[in-house]
Amino acid sequence: MTVDNKVTVVLGAQWGDEGKGKLVDLLAADIDLCARCQGGNNAGHTIVANGVKYDFHMLPSGLVNPNCYNLLGNGVVIHLPAFFQELETLINKGLDCEKRIFVSDRAHLVLDLHQIVDGLKELELGRGSIGTTKKGIGPAYSSKANRDGIRVHHLFNEEEFNNKFRALVEKKHKRYGDFEYDVEAELARYRQLAEKIKPFVVDGVSFIHKALNENKNILIEGANAIMLDIDFGTYPYVTSSNTGVAGVCTGLGIPPRSVGKVIGVVKAYTTRVGGGPFPTELHDEDGERLQTIGAEVGVTTGRKRRCGWLDLVVLKYSHMINGYSSINITKLDVLDTFPEIKVATAYKLNGQVLESFPADLGTLGQVEVQYDVLPGWQSDISNCRKFEELPVNAQKYVKYIENFLGTKVEWIGVGASRDAMIHIPL
C-alpha cells in the first residue's frame, strides 16, 4: 500500500545547540504527532510557552501542544528514571501530557550501569576524553551494537530481563574491574519501573505507520546534530547514533519515501561543547562576546560552549548529507553589535584548497581557514518580524548563506522569545 503522507524533519546542521526546539515548538502547533528517532536525555533545550519555561532532554517538545501525540522511537535510548522525572516536572508545570507520550517497545534501555561505565571510560581516556554528558548514552548504544543490550519489551519478561541484566553487569565488571553496583536493588527497582512504563509502551513501527496511513501531520525532532553523527561527524568526538536524515528511517521504521521536508537548523555563528576539532573557534574577545551575548551554556551539562564564526564548509558538507529543503537561521540577533562578521568559505592545507570536508582529525586540526568578511549591521533586530524589516547588511548576510549553500532560508530567529522569528514563505 502506497502512502503519500510525508513527515517533516527538523535536524541540527552543526555541532548541536542550534535552537531546534524553538522551531519544533512553532511547527508543533499544527501537528498531530511529534517523534524522536535517536539519542537520549543527552539532548537539551528550553521552550517558553504561555509564560512558562519547559526544559526538554528526552521527551519530544510536541508535548507543549495539548492536541499532539508524542513518540520515542526504537532508535532512542531511554533511561527510565530520567523519563519519569522529566514527565513529572512537565506535569507539575501544568502540562497535561501523561496520556500523550508513547515509547517504542524496540527502544533500548539506558541503565545506571551504563552511566557508571560512561564515567569510568572517560577517566580511562584521561586527557583524550571525548567530553560526554556521562548520561550513559554511548555505553547503551555500545550494548545495542554488541547485541547484549536490553530493550523495553524485555522488561515484561522478568526471567529474561534478570538474566540479561546479570550477564551485562558481569561483562562490565570483567572489563572495568570491581565497582560499586547493587544488582539486587536495581532488579527490584526495574520490577517497579516495568509496571510503571507499561501503559506508555506501543509497537512503535505500527504506531507511526497508522498515523501515516491516517494522513496525520507528523514532525520528527532530531537530537544533537550532523557533525556529532557516529558516521559523518568529527569521529571519535561524536555521539553514538545517526543524527542525520538517515536516522529518521532507522530510528522509527519508516521508508525514505515517507520523508518529506527536511529543515536544517543553523546558528548564525558556530558553537560546540566538549572536545574535538573546531576550525573557526575564537579564543579572543569576539569569541567571549559570542559566548556572553549568546548565553552559550549547555542546558544538559551547564558547560560553557566554545564559540566561533559561521563555518560554511561544515554547512555545505552537512547539506550534502541531509539535503535540506530549507534552512532556519537562529540567533541572528547575537551578531547585532559586531562591526564585521566573518564566515568560513574554504579550508586550505599546504596552500591547496581542500575539495571536501576531511575525515582525518589530524588534517582538520591543521587546516588554514579562508574567510570572507561581511559588514555588520550594528542595530537591534529583535523586533523585526519580516525579512524586509531587517537592516540591509543583515539581509545580505542571510542571502550570502543561501547563495553559498544553494538552499533557501525559510526561518530566521531574531530573539529569545517564542514570537521572535521571521518566516519567509518559500
Protein backbone atom coordinates (compact mmCIF):
# COMPACT_ATOMS: atom_id res chain seq x y z
CA MET A 1 0.00 0.00 0.00
CA THR A 2 1.50 3.36 -1.06
CA VAL A 3 1.13 6.20 1.42
CA ASP A 4 1.60 9.73 0.03
CA ASN A 5 1.75 11.29 3.50
CA LYS A 6 5.24 12.58 4.33
CA VAL A 7 6.87 13.58 7.61
CA THR A 8 8.59 16.91 8.26
CA VAL A 9 12.05 16.61 9.83
CA VAL A 10 13.97 19.18 11.90
CA LEU A 11 17.72 18.49 12.14
CA GLY A 12 20.76 20.18 13.67
CA ALA A 13 23.13 21.26 10.88
CA GLN A 14 26.25 21.94 13.02
CA TRP A 15 27.51 20.54 16.36
CA GLY A 16 24.23 20.80 18.25
CA ASP A 17 22.65 23.55 20.36
CA GLU A 18 21.42 25.33 17.23
CA GLY A 19 17.99 26.11 18.68
CA LYS A 20 15.98 23.27 17.11
CA GLY A 21 13.47 23.29 19.95
CA LYS A 22 12.10 26.72 19.12
CA LEU A 23 11.31 25.77 15.53
CA VAL A 24 9.83 22.44 16.63
CA ASP A 25 7.69 24.37 19.10
CA LEU A 26 6.38 26.68 16.35
CA LEU A 27 5.73 23.82 13.92
CA ALA A 28 4.17 21.64 16.65
CA ALA A 29 1.19 23.98 16.90
CA ASP A 30 -0.17 22.37 13.70
CA ILE A 31 0.88 18.75 14.08
CA ASP A 32 -0.76 15.57 15.29
CA LEU A 33 2.34 13.54 16.16
CA CYS A 34 5.87 14.56 17.22
CA ALA A 35 8.53 11.84 17.33
CA ARG A 36 12.15 11.45 18.38
CA CYS A 37 14.18 8.90 16.42
CA GLN A 38 17.61 8.82 18.14
CA GLY A 39 19.65 9.99 21.13
CA GLY A 40 18.55 10.01 24.74
CA ASN A 41 18.49 12.53 27.56
CA ASN A 42 21.85 13.89 26.38
CA ALA A 43 19.96 16.49 24.32
CA GLY A 44 18.59 19.64 25.89
CA HIS A 45 16.53 22.66 25.01
CA THR A 46 14.17 25.11 26.67
CA ILE A 47 10.78 26.22 25.38
CA VAL A 48 8.80 29.14 26.76
CA ALA A 49 5.05 28.80 26.22
CA ASN A 50 2.35 30.94 27.85
CA GLY A 51 4.99 32.46 30.10
CA VAL A 52 6.11 29.06 31.45
CA LYS A 53 9.62 27.70 30.84
CA TYR A 54 9.84 24.00 29.98
CA ASP A 55 13.14 22.09 29.82
CA PHE A 56 13.25 19.10 27.49
CA HIS A 57 16.01 16.49 27.45
CA MET A 58 14.50 13.20 26.29
CA LEU A 59 10.81 13.83 25.69
CA PRO A 60 9.60 15.35 22.40
CA SER A 61 8.75 19.03 22.72
CA GLY A 62 5.47 18.44 20.88
CA LEU A 63 4.11 17.79 24.38
CA VAL A 64 3.64 21.57 24.70
CA ASN A 65 0.78 21.26 22.16
CA PRO A 66 -2.22 19.77 24.06
CA ASN A 67 -3.52 18.13 20.85
CA CYS A 68 -0.24 16.47 19.85
CA TYR A 69 0.71 12.84 20.50
CA ASN A 70 4.39 12.08 21.02
CA LEU A 71 6.58 9.03 20.37
CA LEU A 72 10.05 7.92 21.42
CA GLY A 73 11.09 5.65 18.54
CA ASN A 74 13.15 2.46 18.55
CA GLY A 75 16.35 4.44 17.81
CA VAL A 76 16.09 6.34 21.12
CA VAL A 77 17.86 5.02 24.23
CA ILE A 78 15.78 5.51 27.37
CA HIS A 79 16.83 5.94 30.99
CA LEU A 80 13.52 5.17 32.70
CA PRO A 81 14.15 7.13 35.94
CA ALA A 82 15.02 10.21 33.82
CA PHE A 83 11.92 9.61 31.65
CA PHE A 84 9.61 9.72 34.65
CA GLN A 85 11.45 12.60 36.31
CA GLU A 86 11.15 14.74 33.16
CA LEU A 87 7.50 13.76 32.71
CA GLU A 88 6.71 14.61 36.34
CA THR A 89 8.42 18.01 36.04
CA LEU A 90 6.34 18.87 32.97
CA ILE A 91 3.11 17.73 34.66
CA ASN A 92 3.96 19.81 37.76
CA LYS A 93 4.31 22.84 35.49
CA GLY A 94 0.77 22.33 34.24
CA LEU A 95 1.26 20.23 31.09
CA ASP A 96 -1.40 17.55 30.72
CA CYS A 97 0.85 15.12 28.89
CA GLU A 98 0.76 11.71 30.61
CA LYS A 99 -1.63 10.23 28.04
CA ARG A 100 0.12 11.79 25.03
CA ILE A 101 3.59 10.19 25.26
CA PHE A 102 4.37 6.73 23.90
CA VAL A 103 7.51 4.59 23.86
CA SER A 104 8.55 2.05 21.23
CA ASP A 105 8.84 -1.49 22.58
CA ARG A 106 12.03 -1.85 20.49
CA ALA A 107 13.84 1.09 22.14
CA HIS A 108 16.90 0.18 24.20
CA LEU A 109 17.28 0.98 27.89
CA VAL A 110 19.99 3.12 29.44
CA LEU A 111 20.77 1.57 32.82
CA ASP A 112 22.55 3.23 35.74
CA LEU A 113 25.23 0.66 34.89
CA HIS A 114 25.75 2.40 31.55
CA GLN A 115 26.15 5.76 33.30
CA ILE A 116 28.77 4.32 35.67
CA VAL A 117 30.64 2.82 32.70
CA ASP A 118 30.43 6.19 30.88
CA GLY A 119 32.28 7.86 33.76
CA LEU A 120 34.84 5.04 34.04
CA LYS A 121 35.54 5.20 30.31
CA GLU A 122 36.11 8.98 30.39
CA LEU A 123 38.51 8.53 33.34
CA GLU A 124 40.34 5.84 31.40
CA LEU A 125 40.73 8.14 28.39
CA GLY A 126 42.16 10.90 30.63
CA ARG A 127 43.22 13.97 28.66
CA GLY A 128 41.94 12.38 25.45
CA SER A 129 38.39 12.19 26.80
CA ILE A 130 35.52 12.98 24.45
CA GLY A 131 33.64 15.16 26.94
CA THR A 132 30.43 13.13 27.05
CA THR A 133 27.42 14.15 29.13
CA LYS A 134 28.00 10.98 31.22
CA LYS A 135 24.34 10.08 30.75
CA GLY A 136 25.25 6.54 29.65
CA ILE A 137 24.22 7.13 26.05
CA GLY A 138 27.41 5.79 24.41
CA PRO A 139 27.61 2.64 26.55
CA ALA A 140 23.88 1.93 25.91
CA TYR A 141 24.39 2.17 22.13
CA SER A 142 27.53 0.06 22.58
CA SER A 143 25.45 -2.64 24.30
CA LYS A 144 22.97 -2.43 21.42
CA ALA A 145 25.73 -2.94 18.84
CA ASN A 146 27.27 -5.76 20.91
CA ARG A 147 23.84 -7.46 20.94
CA ASP A 148 23.76 -7.61 24.73
CA GLY A 149 21.52 -4.57 25.16
CA ILE A 150 18.16 -4.65 26.93
CA ARG A 151 15.09 -3.41 25.09
CA VAL A 152 11.86 -2.05 26.56
CA HIS A 153 9.89 -5.24 25.75
CA HIS A 154 12.38 -7.29 27.80
CA LEU A 155 11.04 -5.59 30.94
CA PHE A 156 7.83 -7.60 30.63
CA ASN A 157 9.52 -10.99 30.89
CA GLU A 158 11.09 -10.89 34.35
CA GLU A 159 13.23 -14.01 34.00
CA GLU A 160 14.65 -12.92 30.63
CA PHE A 161 15.28 -9.39 31.92
CA ASN A 162 17.09 -10.65 35.04
CA ASN A 163 19.31 -13.00 33.03
CA LYS A 164 20.25 -10.29 30.52
CA PHE A 165 20.84 -7.77 33.29
CA ARG A 166 23.15 -10.05 35.34
CA ALA A 167 25.11 -11.07 32.23
CA LEU A 168 25.64 -7.41 31.30
CA VAL A 169 26.82 -6.48 34.82
CA GLU A 170 29.24 -9.42 34.83
CA LYS A 171 30.65 -8.37 31.45
CA LYS A 172 31.23 -4.78 32.66
CA HIS A 173 32.94 -5.99 35.85
CA LYS A 174 35.29 -8.10 33.73
CA ARG A 175 36.09 -5.07 31.59
CA TYR A 176 36.35 -2.32 34.23
CA GLY A 177 37.18 -4.24 37.41
CA ASP A 178 35.30 -4.01 40.68
CA PHE A 179 32.96 -1.03 41.02
CA GLU A 180 30.05 -0.47 43.38
CA TYR A 181 26.71 -1.54 41.95
CA ASP A 182 23.84 -3.15 43.88
CA VAL A 183 22.43 -5.65 41.40
CA GLU A 184 19.57 -6.91 43.60
CA ALA A 185 18.39 -3.38 44.41
CA GLU A 186 18.46 -2.49 40.71
CA LEU A 187 16.46 -5.59 39.74
CA ALA A 188 13.87 -4.71 42.38
CA ARG A 189 13.71 -1.14 41.07
CA TYR A 190 13.24 -2.31 37.49
CA ARG A 191 10.40 -4.62 38.53
CA GLN A 192 8.58 -1.48 39.67
CA LEU A 193 9.61 0.52 36.60
CA ALA A 194 8.33 -2.26 34.31
CA GLU A 195 4.84 -1.84 35.73
CA LYS A 196 5.09 1.93 35.62
CA ILE A 197 6.21 2.16 31.96
CA LYS A 198 3.76 -0.49 30.65
CA PRO A 199 0.87 1.92 29.81
CA PHE A 200 3.22 4.02 27.65
CA VAL A 201 4.62 1.17 25.52
CA VAL A 202 3.49 0.57 21.94
CA ASP A 203 4.77 -1.14 18.82
CA GLY A 204 6.48 1.98 17.51
CA VAL A 205 6.54 0.90 13.86
CA SER A 206 2.81 0.17 13.75
CA PHE A 207 2.07 3.34 15.73
CA ILE A 208 3.78 5.71 13.30
CA HIS A 209 2.52 3.87 10.19
CA LYS A 210 -1.04 4.14 11.49
CA ALA A 211 -0.52 7.92 11.76
CA LEU A 212 0.96 8.00 8.22
CA ASN A 213 -1.97 5.99 6.82
CA GLU A 214 -4.45 8.30 8.54
CA ASN A 215 -2.78 11.30 6.88
CA LYS A 216 -1.77 12.84 10.21
CA ASN A 217 0.68 15.74 10.31
CA ILE A 218 3.92 14.25 11.65
CA LEU A 219 7.02 16.10 12.83
CA ILE A 220 10.33 14.36 13.55
CA GLU A 221 12.53 16.13 16.09
CA GLY A 222 16.21 15.40 15.58
CA ALA A 223 18.53 15.45 18.58
CA ASN A 224 22.21 16.51 18.63
CA ALA A 225 23.37 17.37 15.08
CA ILE A 226 25.03 16.03 11.92
CA MET A 227 28.58 16.98 12.99
CA LEU A 228 28.06 14.71 16.02
CA ASP A 229 26.84 11.82 13.84
CA ILE A 230 28.56 8.49 14.54
CA ASP A 231 29.40 8.10 10.83
CA PHE A 232 29.66 11.62 9.43
CA GLY A 233 30.70 13.67 12.46
CA THR A 234 34.19 14.52 13.73
CA TYR A 235 34.79 10.94 14.92
CA PRO A 236 35.50 9.99 17.71
CA TYR A 237 34.29 13.34 19.13
CA VAL A 238 30.71 12.42 18.30
CA THR A 239 27.59 10.97 19.85
CA SER A 240 26.71 7.30 19.34
CA SER A 241 23.75 7.49 16.99
CA ASN A 242 22.92 8.58 13.44
CA THR A 243 21.85 12.18 13.88
CA GLY A 244 21.13 12.91 10.20
CA VAL A 245 18.13 12.24 7.99
CA ALA A 246 19.07 8.53 7.72
CA GLY A 247 18.42 8.15 11.46
CA VAL A 248 14.78 9.07 10.86
CA CYS A 249 14.21 5.87 8.86
CA THR A 250 16.23 3.53 11.08
CA GLY A 251 15.03 5.11 14.34
CA LEU A 252 11.32 4.96 13.56
CA GLY A 253 10.88 2.27 10.93
CA ILE A 254 9.62 4.45 8.09
CA PRO A 255 10.78 4.22 4.45
CA PRO A 256 12.78 7.03 2.76
CA ARG A 257 9.79 7.86 0.53
CA SER A 258 7.88 8.94 3.65
CA VAL A 259 10.43 11.67 4.42
CA GLY A 260 9.22 14.98 3.04
CA LYS A 261 10.52 18.37 4.11
CA VAL A 262 13.92 18.40 5.89
CA ILE A 263 14.70 21.67 7.71
CA GLY A 264 18.31 22.27 8.75
CA VAL A 265 18.73 24.45 11.83
CA VAL A 266 21.81 26.68 11.63
CA LYS A 267 23.08 29.00 14.32
CA ALA A 268 24.24 32.34 12.83
CA TYR A 269 27.71 31.53 14.22
CA THR A 270 29.20 28.21 15.39
CA THR A 271 29.37 26.56 18.81
CA ARG A 272 30.32 23.18 20.17
CA VAL A 273 30.54 21.54 23.59
CA GLY A 274 33.24 19.15 24.77
CA GLY A 275 36.35 18.02 22.94
CA GLY A 276 37.09 17.77 19.26
CA PRO A 277 38.23 19.93 16.35
CA PHE A 278 36.60 23.29 15.66
CA PRO A 279 38.32 25.13 12.77
CA THR A 280 36.60 28.52 13.24
CA GLU A 281 36.87 28.59 17.05
CA LEU A 282 37.70 32.00 18.51
CA HIS A 283 39.96 32.39 21.55
CA ASP A 284 39.74 36.17 21.59
CA GLU A 285 37.38 38.94 22.62
CA ASP A 286 34.99 38.14 19.73
CA GLY A 287 34.66 34.57 20.98
CA GLU A 288 33.94 35.80 24.50
CA ARG A 289 31.33 38.24 23.18
CA LEU A 290 29.57 35.48 21.25
CA GLN A 291 29.59 33.30 24.37
CA THR A 292 28.28 36.07 26.65
CA ILE A 293 25.70 37.69 24.34
CA GLY A 294 24.52 34.29 23.09
CA ALA A 295 24.32 32.92 26.68
CA GLU A 296 26.15 29.86 25.38
CA VAL A 297 25.87 27.46 28.31
CA GLY A 298 24.64 23.88 27.84
CA VAL A 299 21.10 23.07 29.06
CA THR A 300 22.09 19.48 29.89
CA THR A 301 25.68 19.92 31.11
CA GLY A 302 25.89 23.55 32.31
CA ARG A 303 29.22 23.76 30.45
CA LYS A 304 30.24 26.91 28.57
CA ARG A 305 30.10 26.34 24.83
CA ARG A 306 33.08 27.01 22.59
CA CYS A 307 32.27 29.74 20.07
CA GLY A 308 33.47 30.73 16.61
CA TRP A 309 32.46 32.23 13.27
CA LEU A 310 29.94 30.58 10.96
CA ASP A 311 31.58 27.71 9.07
CA LEU A 312 30.07 27.33 5.61
CA VAL A 313 32.43 24.44 4.80
CA VAL A 314 30.75 22.48 7.60
CA LEU A 315 27.30 23.56 6.41
CA LYS A 316 27.94 22.55 2.79
CA TYR A 317 29.06 19.09 3.97
CA SER A 318 26.02 18.93 6.26
CA HIS A 319 23.70 19.86 3.38
CA MET A 320 25.28 17.18 1.13
CA ILE A 321 24.34 14.51 3.67
CA ASN A 322 20.90 15.72 4.77
CA GLY A 323 19.64 17.50 1.62
CA TYR A 324 17.89 20.36 3.40
CA SER A 325 14.66 21.58 1.82
CA SER A 326 15.18 24.84 3.70
CA ILE A 327 17.20 26.43 6.50
CA ASN A 328 16.31 28.01 9.83
CA ILE A 329 18.99 30.52 10.87
CA THR A 330 18.85 31.05 14.63
CA LYS A 331 20.24 33.71 16.97
CA LEU A 332 20.99 36.22 14.21
CA ASP A 333 20.46 38.94 16.83
CA VAL A 334 23.59 37.78 18.71
CA LEU A 335 25.60 39.39 15.88
CA ASP A 336 23.84 42.77 16.27
CA THR A 337 26.81 44.61 17.82
CA PHE A 338 29.62 43.29 15.60
CA PRO A 339 31.05 45.84 13.13
CA GLU A 340 32.40 42.99 10.96
CA ILE A 341 31.34 39.37 10.70
CA LYS A 342 33.50 36.60 9.28
CA VAL A 343 32.27 33.46 7.52
CA ALA A 344 34.49 30.49 6.67
CA THR A 345 34.30 29.65 2.97
CA ALA A 346 37.15 27.15 2.42
CA TYR A 347 39.89 25.13 4.13
CA LYS A 348 43.47 25.17 2.85
CA LEU A 349 46.20 22.64 3.56
CA ASN A 350 49.76 23.25 2.38
CA GLY A 351 48.49 26.08 0.21
CA GLN A 352 45.90 23.89 -1.54
CA VAL A 353 42.15 24.36 -1.13
CA LEU A 354 40.56 21.12 0.13
CA GLU A 355 37.81 19.83 -2.14
CA SER A 356 35.91 18.08 0.65
CA PHE A 357 35.46 18.07 4.41
CA PRO A 358 38.33 15.97 5.84
CA ALA A 359 37.59 12.74 7.69
CA ASP A 360 41.01 12.77 9.38
CA LEU A 361 41.10 14.88 12.55
CA GLY A 362 44.84 15.47 12.20
CA THR A 363 44.18 17.08 8.81
CA LEU A 364 41.24 19.07 10.19
CA GLY A 365 43.40 20.36 13.03
CA GLN A 366 45.99 21.71 10.56
CA VAL A 367 43.74 23.46 8.05
CA GLU A 368 44.05 27.15 7.36
CA VAL A 369 40.56 28.65 7.27
CA GLN A 370 39.71 31.08 4.48
CA TYR A 371 37.22 33.76 5.50
CA ASP A 372 35.05 36.31 3.79
CA VAL A 373 34.48 39.43 5.89
CA LEU A 374 30.97 40.87 5.75
CA PRO A 375 29.89 44.24 7.20
CA GLY A 376 27.80 44.09 10.39
CA TRP A 377 24.52 45.98 10.87
CA GLN A 378 25.10 47.26 14.42
CA SER A 379 21.44 47.71 15.25
CA ASP A 380 18.81 45.82 17.28
CA ILE A 381 16.86 43.36 15.10
CA SER A 382 14.85 41.69 17.89
CA ASN A 383 11.60 43.41 16.87
CA CYS A 384 11.87 42.57 13.16
CA ARG A 385 9.11 40.20 12.00
CA LYS A 386 9.55 40.44 8.23
CA PHE A 387 12.67 39.90 6.16
CA GLU A 388 12.34 43.39 4.67
CA GLU A 389 12.47 44.90 8.19
CA LEU A 390 16.00 43.56 8.75
CA PRO A 391 18.88 46.01 8.18
CA VAL A 392 20.32 45.72 4.66
CA ASN A 393 23.57 44.14 5.92
CA ALA A 394 21.62 41.53 7.91
CA GLN A 395 19.66 40.71 4.74
CA LYS A 396 22.95 40.41 2.83
CA TYR A 397 24.32 38.03 5.50
CA VAL A 398 21.27 35.76 5.09
CA LYS A 399 21.45 35.91 1.27
CA TYR A 400 25.18 35.10 1.39
CA ILE A 401 24.41 31.89 3.30
CA GLU A 402 21.60 31.00 0.88
CA ASN A 403 23.78 31.52 -2.17
CA PHE A 404 26.70 29.55 -0.76
CA LEU A 405 24.56 26.54 0.22
CA GLY A 406 22.14 26.65 -2.69
CA THR A 407 19.07 26.28 -0.49
CA LYS A 408 16.52 28.77 0.82
CA VAL A 409 16.38 30.29 4.29
CA GLU A 410 12.79 29.88 5.49
CA TRP A 411 13.05 30.90 9.13
CA ILE A 412 15.23 33.47 10.94
CA GLY A 413 15.46 33.66 14.73
CA VAL A 414 15.93 37.24 15.98
CA GLY A 415 15.49 36.91 19.75
CA ALA A 416 14.83 34.63 22.69
CA SER A 417 11.04 34.97 22.84
CA ARG A 418 8.74 32.49 21.14
CA ASP A 419 7.50 35.01 18.58
CA ALA A 420 10.95 36.43 17.74
CA MET A 421 11.04 34.56 14.45
CA ILE A 422 10.79 35.70 10.84
CA HIS A 423 9.09 33.31 8.43
CA ILE A 424 9.89 33.68 4.73
CA PRO A 425 7.30 31.66 2.75
CA LEU A 426 9.00 29.51 0.10
